[in-house]
């Protein structure tokens, strides 16, 4: 659950539901804090969990060997989003 706790990581996993391959996730000379966090925190954590395969040379991200485990969870969230959203009034 820790891996899925950050929105940036969930967005990458959701994008992989639509596309089997994402690119490019490559470092450039002009990195902002979001990019730095992506390359040094989010992509490595997703890769370590087995949810993605990340080719650092090409910047390509694909579904990893454990992606099926998380895809079920993502589908559950999508199917019940209206029930899971809590407003400030509740």
C-alpha atoms as a PDB file:
ATOM      1  CA  UNK A   1       0.000   0.000   0.000  1.00  0.00           C
ATOM      2  CA  UNK A   2       2.944   2.351   0.629  1.00  0.00           C
ATOM      3  CA  UNK A   3       3.846   2.202  -3.059  1.00  0.00           C
ATOM      4  CA  UNK A   4       0.299   3.189  -4.015  1.00  0.00           C
ATOM      5  CA  UNK A   5       0.053   5.972  -1.444  1.00  0.00           C
ATOM      6  CA  UNK A   6       1.430   8.663  -3.774  1.00  0.00           C
ATOM      7  CA  UNK A   7      -0.682  10.050  -6.590  1.00  0.00           C
ATOM      8  CA  UNK A   8       2.298  10.306  -8.955  1.00  0.00           C
ATOM      9  CA  UNK A   9       2.835   6.542  -8.754  1.00  0.00           C
ATOM     10  CA  UNK A  10      -0.865   5.768  -9.197  1.00  0.00           C
ATOM     11  CA  UNK A  11      -0.999   7.987 -12.296  1.00  0.00           C
ATOM     12  CA  UNK A  12       1.834   6.021 -13.904  1.00  0.00           C
ATOM     13  CA  UNK A  13       0.074   2.748 -13.128  1.00  0.00           C
ATOM     14  CA  UNK A  14      -3.257   4.039 -14.468  1.00  0.00           C
ATOM     15  CA  UNK A  15      -1.535   5.159 -17.669  1.00  0.00           C
ATOM     16  CA  UNK A  16      -0.148   1.647 -18.074  1.00  0.00           C
ATOM     17  CA  UNK A  17      -3.715   0.297 -17.950  1.00  0.00           C
ATOM     18  CA  UNK A  18      -4.374   2.193 -21.191  1.00  0.00           C
ATOM     19  CA  UNK A  19      -0.972   1.856 -22.856  1.00  0.00           C
ATOM     20  CA  UNK A  20       1.400  -1.085 -22.571  1.00  0.00           C
ATOM     21  CA  UNK A  21       4.424   1.185 -22.952  1.00  0.00           C
ATOM     22  CA  UNK A  22       5.090   4.703 -21.712  1.00  0.00           C
ATOM     23  CA  UNK A  23       7.938   6.842 -22.959  1.00  0.00           C
ATOM     24  CA  UNK A  24      10.059   8.771 -22.545  1.00  0.00           C
ATOM     25  CA  UNK A  25      10.822   8.947 -18.851  1.00  0.00           C
ATOM     26  CA  UNK A  26      14.333  10.270 -19.270  1.00  0.00           C
ATOM     27  CA  UNK A  27      16.333  12.699 -17.246  1.00  0.00           C
ATOM     28  CA  UNK A  28      17.194  15.963 -18.933  1.00  0.00           C
ATOM     29  CA  UNK A  29      19.464  18.865 -18.059  1.00  0.00           C
ATOM     30  CA  UNK A  30      16.523  20.991 -16.902  1.00  0.00           C
ATOM     31  CA  UNK A  31      14.943  18.928 -14.131  1.00  0.00           C
ATOM     32  CA  UNK A  32      12.434  20.405 -11.737  1.00  0.00           C
ATOM     33  CA  UNK A  33      11.608  18.955  -8.318  1.00  0.00           C
ATOM     34  CA  UNK A  34       8.779  16.844  -9.748  1.00  0.00           C
ATOM     35  CA  UNK A  35      11.124  15.265 -12.301  1.00  0.00           C
ATOM     36  CA  UNK A  36      13.789  14.613  -9.686  1.00  0.00           C
ATOM     37  CA  UNK A  37      11.236  12.909  -7.455  1.00  0.00           C
ATOM     38  CA  UNK A  38       9.957  10.869 -10.408  1.00  0.00           C
ATOM     39  CA  UNK A  39      13.411   9.535 -11.361  1.00  0.00           C
ATOM     40  CA  UNK A  40      14.842   9.066  -7.893  1.00  0.00           C
ATOM     41  CA  UNK A  41      11.772   8.034  -5.876  1.00  0.00           C
ATOM     42  CA  UNK A  42       8.615   7.068  -7.769  1.00  0.00           C
ATOM     43  CA  UNK A  43       9.918   5.037 -10.712  1.00  0.00           C
ATOM     44  CA  UNK A  44      12.475   3.159  -8.573  1.00  0.00           C
ATOM     45  CA  UNK A  45       9.804   2.273  -5.979  1.00  0.00           C
ATOM     46  CA  UNK A  46       7.387   1.043  -8.639  1.00  0.00           C
ATOM     47  CA  UNK A  47      10.183  -0.990 -10.212  1.00  0.00           C
ATOM     48  CA  UNK A  48      11.307  -2.459  -6.868  1.00  0.00           C
ATOM     49  CA  UNK A  49       7.712  -3.574  -6.201  1.00  0.00           C
ATOM     50  CA  UNK A  50       7.654  -5.288  -9.601  1.00  0.00           C
ATOM     51  CA  UNK A  51       4.794  -3.131 -10.885  1.00  0.00           C
ATOM     52  CA  UNK A  52       6.850  -1.653 -13.721  1.00  0.00           C
ATOM     53  CA  UNK A  53       9.896  -2.441 -15.805  1.00  0.00           C
ATOM     54  CA  UNK A  54      11.862   0.757 -16.395  1.00  0.00           C
ATOM     55  CA  UNK A  55      14.617   0.959 -18.972  1.00  0.00           C
ATOM     56  CA  UNK A  56      16.733   3.864 -17.768  1.00  0.00           C
ATOM     57  CA  UNK A  57      18.637   4.091 -21.076  1.00  0.00           C
ATOM     58  CA  UNK A  58      15.562   4.568 -23.256  1.00  0.00           C
ATOM     59  CA  UNK A  59      13.271   5.955 -20.561  1.00  0.00           C
ATOM     60  CA  UNK A  60      10.616   3.388 -21.451  1.00  0.00           C
ATOM     61  CA  UNK A  61       8.237   2.150 -18.757  1.00  0.00           C
ATOM     62  CA  UNK A  62       6.243  -1.058 -19.216  1.00  0.00           C
ATOM     63  CA  UNK A  63       4.116  -3.288 -17.006  1.00  0.00           C
ATOM     64  CA  UNK A  64       6.242  -5.315 -14.618  1.00  0.00           C
ATOM     65  CA  UNK A  65       5.820  -8.930 -13.504  1.00  0.00           C
ATOM     66  CA  UNK A  66       3.646  -7.938 -10.510  1.00  0.00           C
ATOM     67  CA  UNK A  67       1.457  -5.424 -12.397  1.00  0.00           C
ATOM     68  CA  UNK A  68      -1.555  -7.762 -12.381  1.00  0.00           C
ATOM     69  CA  UNK A  69      -1.677  -7.528  -8.589  1.00  0.00           C
ATOM     70  CA  UNK A  70      -1.990  -3.750  -8.637  1.00  0.00           C
ATOM     71  CA  UNK A  71      -4.237  -3.619 -11.712  1.00  0.00           C
ATOM     72  CA  UNK A  72      -6.987  -5.398  -9.787  1.00  0.00           C
ATOM     73  CA  UNK A  73      -6.725  -2.776  -7.047  1.00  0.00           C
ATOM     74  CA  UNK A  74      -6.756   0.101  -9.565  1.00  0.00           C
ATOM     75  CA  UNK A  75      -9.868  -1.313 -11.235  1.00  0.00           C
ATOM     76  CA  UNK A  76     -11.570  -1.583  -7.853  1.00  0.00           C
ATOM     77  CA  UNK A  77     -10.785   2.073  -7.132  1.00  0.00           C
ATOM     78  CA  UNK A  78     -12.084   3.130 -10.557  1.00  0.00           C
ATOM     79  CA  UNK A  79     -15.295   1.143 -10.194  1.00  0.00           C
ATOM     80  CA  UNK A  80     -16.034   2.552  -6.743  1.00  0.00           C
ATOM     81  CA  UNK A  81     -14.573   6.059  -6.983  1.00  0.00           C
ATOM     82  CA  UNK A  82     -17.857   7.744  -6.068  1.00  0.00           C
ATOM     83  CA  UNK A  83     -18.092   5.661  -2.894  1.00  0.00           C
ATOM     84  CA  UNK A  84     -14.454   6.237  -1.932  1.00  0.00           C
ATOM     85  CA  UNK A  85     -14.415  10.001  -2.344  1.00  0.00           C
ATOM     86  CA  UNK A  86     -15.012  11.872   0.872  1.00  0.00           C
ATOM     87  CA  UNK A  87     -15.947  15.516   0.848  1.00  0.00           C
ATOM     88  CA  UNK A  88     -15.036  18.085   3.467  1.00  0.00           C
ATOM     89  CA  UNK A  89     -18.712  18.186   4.553  1.00  0.00           C
ATOM     90  CA  UNK A  90     -18.720  14.524   5.652  1.00  0.00           C
END
